[in-house]
Amino acid sequence: MTENAEPIEDRLADFTRDKRILLLSVMAVIIGAISAVVAKALVWLIAVITNLTFFQRFSSDFISPTNHHLGIFVIFAPVEQCARH
């Protein structure tokens, strides 16, 4: 009975590689590099908007807004930024 049995092919365990894996790797590196640049730009933008809102100066230095001079009016800081633009 075992003479006529066909070998079972396991398609889920197919780990063959071809040229597409190189293309996918290059695409992943490019997307990762672009994502890193965008993340750096967003962090810079957060620092600039924080300085404009709390200290009225254009700077990308990271300064904590805990020493701001707005007092209780800090709750209007987002409104102030929207009104300027």
PDB file of N, CA and C in Angstrom:
ATOM      1  N   MET A   1       0.801  -1.201   0.000  1.00  0.00           N
ATOM      2  CA  MET A   1       0.000   0.000   0.000  1.00  0.00           C
ATOM      3  C   MET A   1       0.843   1.265   0.000  1.00  0.00           C
ATOM      4  N   THR A   2       1.980   1.210   0.588  1.00  0.00           N
ATOM      5  CA  THR A   2       2.829   2.391   0.637  1.00  0.00           C
ATOM      6  C   THR A   2       3.561   2.647  -0.666  1.00  0.00           C
ATOM      7  N   GLU A   3       3.564   1.689  -1.589  1.00  0.00           N
ATOM      8  CA  GLU A   3       4.258   1.866  -2.854  1.00  0.00           C
ATOM      9  C   GLU A   3       3.566   2.912  -3.730  1.00  0.00           C
ATOM     10  N   ASN A   4       2.290   3.037  -3.662  1.00  0.00           N
ATOM     11  CA  ASN A   4       1.542   3.950  -4.508  1.00  0.00           C
ATOM     12  C   ASN A   4       1.321   5.316  -3.854  1.00  0.00           C
ATOM     13  N   ALA A   5       1.789   5.493  -2.648  1.00  0.00           N
ATOM     14  CA  ALA A   5       1.568   6.761  -1.947  1.00  0.00           C
ATOM     15  C   ALA A   5       2.457   7.855  -2.552  1.00  0.00           C
ATOM     16  N   GLU A   6       1.849   9.019  -2.758  1.00  0.00           N
ATOM     17  CA  GLU A   6       2.608  10.148  -3.312  1.00  0.00           C
ATOM     18  C   GLU A   6       3.214  10.953  -2.173  1.00  0.00           C
ATOM     19  N   PRO A   7       4.382  11.532  -2.386  1.00  0.00           N
ATOM     20  CA  PRO A   7       4.968  12.363  -1.323  1.00  0.00           C
ATOM     21  C   PRO A   7       4.123  13.623  -1.094  1.00  0.00           C
ATOM     22  N   ILE A   8       3.948  13.982   0.137  1.00  0.00           N
ATOM     23  CA  ILE A   8       3.155  15.156   0.501  1.00  0.00           C
ATOM     24  C   ILE A   8       4.055  16.386   0.392  1.00  0.00           C
ATOM     25  N   GLU A   9       3.582  17.365  -0.338  1.00  0.00           N
ATOM     26  CA  GLU A   9       4.356  18.590  -0.522  1.00  0.00           C
ATOM     27  C   GLU A   9       3.924  19.623   0.522  1.00  0.00           C
ATOM     28  N   ASP A  10       4.881  20.142   1.247  1.00  0.00           N
ATOM     29  CA  ASP A  10       4.586  21.121   2.304  1.00  0.00           C
ATOM     30  C   ASP A  10       4.869  22.517   1.766  1.00  0.00           C
ATOM     31  N   ARG A  11       3.865  23.156   1.256  1.00  0.00           N
ATOM     32  CA  ARG A  11       4.049  24.480   0.635  1.00  0.00           C
ATOM     33  C   ARG A  11       4.269  25.585   1.666  1.00  0.00           C
ATOM     34  N   LEU A  12       3.814  25.405   2.875  1.00  0.00           N
ATOM     35  CA  LEU A  12       3.980  26.443   3.887  1.00  0.00           C
ATOM     36  C   LEU A  12       5.425  26.549   4.356  1.00  0.00           C
ATOM     37  N   ALA A  13       6.204  25.539   4.165  1.00  0.00           N
ATOM     38  CA  ALA A  13       7.592  25.551   4.614  1.00  0.00           C
ATOM     39  C   ALA A  13       8.539  25.879   3.468  1.00  0.00           C
ATOM     40  N   ASP A  14       8.049  26.549   2.436  1.00  0.00           N
ATOM     41  CA  ASP A  14       8.872  26.899   1.293  1.00  0.00           C
ATOM     42  C   ASP A  14       9.644  28.177   1.613  1.00  0.00           C
ATOM     43  N   PHE A  15      10.940  28.046   1.828  1.00  0.00           N
ATOM     44  CA  PHE A  15      11.762  29.194   2.177  1.00  0.00           C
ATOM     45  C   PHE A  15      12.719  29.558   1.041  1.00  0.00           C
ATOM     46  N   THR A  16      12.302  29.388  -0.180  1.00  0.00           N
ATOM     47  CA  THR A  16      13.161  29.736  -1.307  1.00  0.00           C
ATOM     48  C   THR A  16      13.259  31.251  -1.419  1.00  0.00           C
ATOM     49  N   ARG A  17      14.388  31.693  -1.925  1.00  0.00           N
ATOM     50  CA  ARG A  17      14.633  33.129  -2.074  1.00  0.00           C
ATOM     51  C   ARG A  17      14.911  33.415  -3.539  1.00  0.00           C
ATOM     52  N   ASP A  18      14.566  34.605  -3.942  1.00  0.00           N
ATOM     53  CA  ASP A  18      14.881  35.041  -5.297  1.00  0.00           C
ATOM     54  C   ASP A  18      15.231  36.526  -5.267  1.00  0.00           C
ATOM     55  N   LYS A  19      15.245  37.164  -6.422  1.00  0.00           N
ATOM     56  CA  LYS A  19      15.673  38.562  -6.508  1.00  0.00           C
ATOM     57  C   LYS A  19      14.687  39.523  -5.848  1.00  0.00           C
ATOM     58  N   ARG A  20      13.462  39.092  -5.618  1.00  0.00           N
ATOM     59  CA  ARG A  20      12.480  39.983  -4.992  1.00  0.00           C
ATOM     60  C   ARG A  20      12.848  40.329  -3.561  1.00  0.00           C
ATOM     61  N   ILE A  21      13.541  39.443  -2.880  1.00  0.00           N
ATOM     62  CA  ILE A  21      13.918  39.731  -1.491  1.00  0.00           C
ATOM     63  C   ILE A  21      14.921  40.888  -1.434  1.00  0.00           C
ATOM     64  N   LEU A  22      15.775  40.993  -2.447  1.00  0.00           N
ATOM     65  CA  LEU A  22      16.710  42.117  -2.514  1.00  0.00           C
ATOM     66  C   LEU A  22      15.955  43.421  -2.748  1.00  0.00           C
ATOM     67  N   LEU A  23      14.979  43.399  -3.641  1.00  0.00           N
ATOM     68  CA  LEU A  23      14.160  44.576  -3.897  1.00  0.00           C
ATOM     69  C   LEU A  23      13.395  44.996  -2.637  1.00  0.00           C
ATOM     70  N   LEU A  24      12.823  44.047  -1.932  1.00  0.00           N
ATOM     71  CA  LEU A  24      12.099  44.357  -0.704  1.00  0.00           C
ATOM     72  C   LEU A  24      13.027  44.928   0.366  1.00  0.00           C
ATOM     73  N   SER A  25      14.244  44.419   0.436  1.00  0.00           N
ATOM     74  CA  SER A  25      15.212  44.934   1.412  1.00  0.00           C
ATOM     75  C   SER A  25      15.591  46.376   1.092  1.00  0.00           C
ATOM     76  N   VAL A  26      15.818  46.666  -0.182  1.00  0.00           N
ATOM     77  CA  VAL A  26      16.152  48.042  -0.581  1.00  0.00           C
ATOM     78  C   VAL A  26      14.981  48.975  -0.294  1.00  0.00           C
ATOM     79  N   MET A  27      13.771  48.526  -0.585  1.00  0.00           N
ATOM     80  CA  MET A  27      12.595  49.348  -0.302  1.00  0.00           C
ATOM     81  C   MET A  27      12.451  49.604   1.195  1.00  0.00           C
ATOM     82  N   ALA A  28      12.737  48.604   2.017  1.00  0.00           N
ATOM     83  CA  ALA A  28      12.634  48.772   3.470  1.00  0.00           C
ATOM     84  C   ALA A  28      13.662  49.771   3.981  1.00  0.00           C
ATOM     85  N   VAL A  29      14.866  49.734   3.441  1.00  0.00           N
ATOM     86  CA  VAL A  29      15.901  50.685   3.863  1.00  0.00           C
ATOM     87  C   VAL A  29      15.511  52.103   3.463  1.00  0.00           C
ATOM     88  N   ILE A  30      14.988  52.281   2.265  1.00  0.00           N
ATOM     89  CA  ILE A  30      14.578  53.616   1.803  1.00  0.00           C
ATOM     90  C   ILE A  30      13.428  54.153   2.654  1.00  0.00           C
ATOM     91  N   ILE A  31      12.435  53.320   2.918  1.00  0.00           N
ATOM     92  CA  ILE A  31      11.292  53.751   3.741  1.00  0.00           C
ATOM     93  C   ILE A  31      11.749  54.068   5.168  1.00  0.00           C
ATOM     94  N   GLY A  32      12.663  53.279   5.698  1.00  0.00           N
ATOM     95  CA  GLY A  32      13.191  53.554   7.037  1.00  0.00           C
ATOM     96  C   GLY A  32      13.941  54.864   7.101  1.00  0.00           C
ATOM     97  N   ALA A  33      14.733  55.166   6.072  1.00  0.00           N
ATOM     98  CA  ALA A  33      15.481  56.429   6.041  1.00  0.00           C
ATOM     99  C   ALA A  33      14.537  57.624   5.930  1.00  0.00           C
ATOM    100  N   ILE A  34      13.530  57.506   5.092  1.00  0.00           N
ATOM    101  CA  ILE A  34      12.543  58.587   4.962  1.00  0.00           C
ATOM    102  C   ILE A  34      11.791  58.779   6.275  1.00  0.00           C
ATOM    103  N   SER A  35      11.438  57.707   6.938  1.00  0.00           N
ATOM    104  CA  SER A  35      10.734  57.796   8.219  1.00  0.00           C
ATOM    105  C   SER A  35      11.592  58.465   9.284  1.00  0.00           C
ATOM    106  N   ALA A  36      12.887  58.199   9.272  1.00  0.00           N
ATOM    107  CA  ALA A  36      13.786  58.831  10.238  1.00  0.00           C
ATOM    108  C   ALA A  36      13.865  60.337  10.004  1.00  0.00           C
ATOM    109  N   VAL A  37      13.911  60.756   8.742  1.00  0.00           N
ATOM    110  CA  VAL A  37      13.962  62.192   8.430  1.00  0.00           C
ATOM    111  C   VAL A  37      12.657  62.870   8.835  1.00  0.00           C
ATOM    112  N   VAL A  38      11.542  62.229   8.564  1.00  0.00           N
ATOM    113  CA  VAL A  38      10.240  62.801   8.945  1.00  0.00           C
ATOM    114  C   VAL A  38      10.121  62.897  10.459  1.00  0.00           C
ATOM    115  N   ALA A  39      10.581  61.888  11.180  1.00  0.00           N
ATOM    116  CA  ALA A  39      10.531  61.919  12.648  1.00  0.00           C
ATOM    117  C   ALA A  39      11.385  63.055  13.194  1.00  0.00           C
ATOM    118  N   LYS A  40      12.563  63.249  12.626  1.00  0.00           N
ATOM    119  CA  LYS A  40      13.441  64.345  13.064  1.00  0.00           C
ATOM    120  C   LYS A  40      12.778  65.694  12.801  1.00  0.00           C
ATOM    121  N   ALA A  41      12.125  65.826  11.648  1.00  0.00           N
ATOM    122  CA  ALA A  41      11.429  67.077  11.330  1.00  0.00           C
ATOM    123  C   ALA A  41      10.266  67.324  12.287  1.00  0.00           C
ATOM    124  N   LEU A  42       9.545  66.287  12.670  1.00  0.00           N
ATOM    125  CA  LEU A  42       8.429  66.462  13.601  1.00  0.00           C
ATOM    126  C   LEU A  42       8.909  66.858  14.999  1.00  0.00           C
ATOM    127  N   VAL A  43      10.015  66.285  15.450  1.00  0.00           N
ATOM    128  CA  VAL A  43      10.561  66.660  16.757  1.00  0.00           C
ATOM    129  C   VAL A  43      11.015  68.120  16.725  1.00  0.00           C
ATOM    130  N   TRP A  44      11.645  68.531  15.615  1.00  0.00           N
ATOM    131  CA  TRP A  44      12.066  69.931  15.467  1.00  0.00           C
ATOM    132  C   TRP A  44      10.843  70.849  15.486  1.00  0.00           C
ATOM    133  N   LEU A  45       9.792  70.456  14.786  1.00  0.00           N
ATOM    134  CA  LEU A  45       8.574  71.264  14.730  1.00  0.00           C
ATOM    135  C   LEU A  45       7.912  71.377  16.100  1.00  0.00           C
ATOM    136  N   ILE A  46       7.911  70.318  16.871  1.00  0.00           N
ATOM    137  CA  ILE A  46       7.354  70.367  18.223  1.00  0.00           C
ATOM    138  C   ILE A  46       8.129  71.370  19.079  1.00  0.00           C
ATOM    139  N   ALA A  47       9.451  71.346  18.978  1.00  0.00           N
ATOM    140  CA  ALA A  47      10.276  72.277  19.756  1.00  0.00           C
ATOM    141  C   ALA A  47      10.019  73.716  19.332  1.00  0.00           C
ATOM    142  N   VAL A  48       9.912  73.968  18.038  1.00  0.00           N
ATOM    143  CA  VAL A  48       9.679  75.333  17.548  1.00  0.00           C
ATOM    144  C   VAL A  48       8.311  75.844  17.994  1.00  0.00           C
ATOM    145  N   ILE A  49       7.287  75.027  17.859  1.00  0.00           N
ATOM    146  CA  ILE A  49       5.936  75.474  18.254  1.00  0.00           C
ATOM    147  C   ILE A  49       5.854  75.680  19.765  1.00  0.00           C
ATOM    148  N   THR A  50       6.521  74.835  20.535  1.00  0.00           N
ATOM    149  CA  THR A  50       6.543  75.029  21.989  1.00  0.00           C
ATOM    150  C   THR A  50       7.212  76.350  22.344  1.00  0.00           C
ATOM    151  N   ASN A  51       8.330  76.668  21.712  1.00  0.00           N
ATOM    152  CA  ASN A  51       9.012  77.933  21.994  1.00  0.00           C
ATOM    153  C   ASN A  51       8.194  79.133  21.534  1.00  0.00           C
ATOM    154  N   LEU A  52       7.538  79.023  20.389  1.00  0.00           N
ATOM    155  CA  LEU A  52       6.697  80.135  19.930  1.00  0.00           C
ATOM    156  C   LEU A  52       5.515  80.360  20.861  1.00  0.00           C
ATOM    157  N   THR A  53       4.912  79.288  21.321  1.00  0.00           N
ATOM    158  CA  THR A  53       3.725  79.408  22.161  1.00  0.00           C
ATOM    159  C   THR A  53       4.047  79.929  23.558  1.00  0.00           C
ATOM    160  N   PHE A  54       5.059  79.372  24.190  1.00  0.00           N
ATOM    161  CA  PHE A  54       5.312  79.697  25.587  1.00  0.00           C
ATOM    162  C   PHE A  54       6.314  80.830  25.784  1.00  0.00           C
ATOM    163  N   PHE A  55       7.232  81.033  24.852  1.00  0.00           N
ATOM    164  CA  PHE A  55       8.295  82.029  25.062  1.00  0.00           C
ATOM    165  C   PHE A  55       8.365  83.065  23.943  1.00  0.00           C
ATOM    166  N   GLN A  56       7.486  83.012  22.953  1.00  0.00           N
ATOM    167  CA  GLN A  56       7.394  83.946  21.841  1.00  0.00           C
ATOM    168  C   GLN A  56       8.753  84.161  21.156  1.00  0.00           C
ATOM    169  N   ARG A  57       9.462  83.091  20.881  1.00  0.00           N
ATOM    170  CA  ARG A  57      10.726  83.175  20.146  1.00  0.00           C
ATOM    171  C   ARG A  57      10.832  81.979  19.213  1.00  0.00           C
ATOM    172  N   PHE A  58      11.507  82.217  18.095  1.00  0.00           N
ATOM    173  CA  PHE A  58      11.699  81.159  17.113  1.00  0.00           C
ATOM    174  C   PHE A  58      13.018  80.463  17.403  1.00  0.00           C
ATOM    175  N   SER A  59      12.922  79.276  17.988  1.00  0.00           N
ATOM    176  CA  SER A  59      14.103  78.513  18.353  1.00  0.00           C
ATOM    177  C   SER A  59      13.725  77.042  18.406  1.00  0.00           C
ATOM    178  N   SER A  60      14.679  76.189  18.073  1.00  0.00           N
ATOM    179  CA  SER A  60      14.418  74.755  18.149  1.00  0.00           C
ATOM    180  C   SER A  60      15.098  74.126  19.358  1.00  0.00           C
ATOM    181  N   ASP A  61      15.530  74.944  20.300  1.00  0.00           N
ATOM    182  CA  ASP A  61      16.102  74.423  21.542  1.00  0.00           C
ATOM    183  C   ASP A  61      14.993  73.816  22.386  1.00  0.00           C
ATOM    184  N   PHE A  62      15.288  72.689  22.996  1.00  0.00           N
ATOM    185  CA  PHE A  62      14.299  72.041  23.837  1.00  0.00           C
ATOM    186  C   PHE A  62      14.326  72.675  25.225  1.00  0.00           C
ATOM    187  N   ILE A  63      13.312  73.473  25.515  1.00  0.00           N
ATOM    188  CA  ILE A  63      13.179  74.138  26.800  1.00  0.00           C
ATOM    189  C   ILE A  63      11.833  73.721  27.388  1.00  0.00           C
ATOM    190  N   SER A  64      11.850  73.316  28.627  1.00  0.00           N
ATOM    191  CA  SER A  64      10.616  72.881  29.263  1.00  0.00           C
ATOM    192  C   SER A  64       9.677  74.067  29.456  1.00  0.00           C
ATOM    193  N   PRO A  65       8.404  73.914  29.165  1.00  0.00           N
ATOM    194  CA  PRO A  65       7.461  75.016  29.346  1.00  0.00           C
ATOM    195  C   PRO A  65       7.020  75.211  30.797  1.00  0.00           C
ATOM    196  N   THR A  66       7.694  74.565  31.765  1.00  0.00           N
ATOM    197  CA  THR A  66       7.282  74.716  33.161  1.00  0.00           C
ATOM    198  C   THR A  66       7.563  76.114  33.686  1.00  0.00           C
ATOM    199  N   ASN A  67       8.512  76.834  33.116  1.00  0.00           N
ATOM    200  CA  ASN A  67       8.846  78.180  33.595  1.00  0.00           C
ATOM    201  C   ASN A  67       8.247  79.269  32.708  1.00  0.00           C
ATOM    202  N   HIS A  68       7.113  79.012  32.110  1.00  0.00           N
ATOM    203  CA  HIS A  68       6.503  80.006  31.227  1.00  0.00           C
ATOM    204  C   HIS A  68       5.897  81.138  32.050  1.00  0.00           C
ATOM    205  N   HIS A  69       5.585  82.219  31.374  1.00  0.00           N
ATOM    206  CA  HIS A  69       5.041  83.413  32.048  1.00  0.00           C
ATOM    207  C   HIS A  69       3.549  83.609  31.766  1.00  0.00           C
ATOM    208  N   LEU A  70       2.881  82.616  31.218  1.00  0.00           N
ATOM    209  CA  LEU A  70       1.480  82.778  30.845  1.00  0.00           C
ATOM    210  C   LEU A  70       0.518  82.638  32.017  1.00  0.00           C
ATOM    211  N   GLY A  71       0.941  81.991  33.082  1.00  0.00           N
ATOM    212  CA  GLY A  71       0.065  81.818  34.232  1.00  0.00           C
ATOM    213  C   GLY A  71      -1.131  80.946  33.904  1.00  0.00           C
ATOM    214  N   ILE A  72      -2.295  81.355  34.380  1.00  0.00           N
ATOM    215  CA  ILE A  72      -3.514  80.587  34.151  1.00  0.00           C
ATOM    216  C   ILE A  72      -3.930  80.622  32.679  1.00  0.00           C
ATOM    217  N   PHE A  73      -3.417  81.599  31.939  1.00  0.00           N
ATOM    218  CA  PHE A  73      -3.783  81.738  30.525  1.00  0.00           C
ATOM    219  C   PHE A  73      -3.115  80.691  29.636  1.00  0.00           C
ATOM    220  N   VAL A  74      -2.381  79.768  30.239  1.00  0.00           N
ATOM    221  CA  VAL A  74      -1.759  78.694  29.474  1.00  0.00           C
ATOM    222  C   VAL A  74      -2.807  77.825  28.794  1.00  0.00           C
ATOM    223  N   ILE A  75      -4.019  77.814  29.329  1.00  0.00           N
ATOM    224  CA  ILE A  75      -5.073  77.012  28.706  1.00  0.00           C
ATOM    225  C   ILE A  75      -5.486  77.591  27.353  1.00  0.00           C
ATOM    226  N   PHE A  76      -5.163  78.862  27.103  1.00  0.00           N
ATOM    227  CA  PHE A  76      -5.484  79.485  25.820  1.00  0.00           C
ATOM    228  C   PHE A  76      -4.343  79.400  24.814  1.00  0.00           C
ATOM    229  N   ALA A  77      -3.252  78.744  25.158  1.00  0.00           N
ATOM    230  CA  ALA A  77      -2.092  78.653  24.265  1.00  0.00           C
ATOM    231  C   ALA A  77      -2.441  77.987  22.930  1.00  0.00           C
ATOM    232  N   PRO A  78      -3.187  76.892  22.904  1.00  0.00           N
ATOM    233  CA  PRO A  78      -3.537  76.318  21.590  1.00  0.00           C
ATOM    234  C   PRO A  78      -4.428  77.238  20.763  1.00  0.00           C
ATOM    235  N   VAL A  79      -5.300  77.977  21.417  1.00  0.00           N
ATOM    236  CA  VAL A  79      -6.170  78.901  20.709  1.00  0.00           C
ATOM    237  C   VAL A  79      -5.352  80.025  20.118  1.00  0.00           C
ATOM    238  N   GLU A  80      -4.362  80.483  20.857  1.00  0.00           N
ATOM    239  CA  GLU A  80      -3.498  81.567  20.404  1.00  0.00           C
ATOM    240  C   GLU A  80      -2.739  81.149  19.151  1.00  0.00           C
ATOM    241  N   GLN A  81      -2.228  79.922  19.130  1.00  0.00           N
ATOM    242  CA  GLN A  81      -1.495  79.442  17.978  1.00  0.00           C
ATOM    243  C   GLN A  81      -2.405  79.313  16.762  1.00  0.00           C
ATOM    244  N   CYS A  82      -3.632  78.872  16.939  1.00  0.00           N
ATOM    245  CA  CYS A  82      -4.562  78.749  15.824  1.00  0.00           C
ATOM    246  C   CYS A  82      -4.978  80.119  15.287  1.00  0.00           C
ATOM    247  N   ALA A  83      -5.097  81.088  16.162  1.00  0.00           N
ATOM    248  CA  ALA A  83      -5.497  82.422  15.741  1.00  0.00           C
ATOM    249  C   ALA A  83      -4.396  83.122  14.949  1.00  0.00           C
ATOM    250  N   ARG A  84      -3.138  82.799  15.237  1.00  0.00           N
ATOM    251  CA  ARG A  84      -2.023  83.419  14.510  1.00  0.00           C
ATOM    252  C   ARG A  84      -1.943  82.928  13.085  1.00  0.00           C
ATOM    253  N   HIS A  85      -2.380  81.708  12.839  1.00  0.00           N
ATOM    254  CA  HIS A  85      -2.229  81.149  11.502  1.00  0.00           C
ATOM    255  C   HIS A  85      -3.541  81.193  10.842  1.00  0.00           C
TER     256      HIS A  85
END
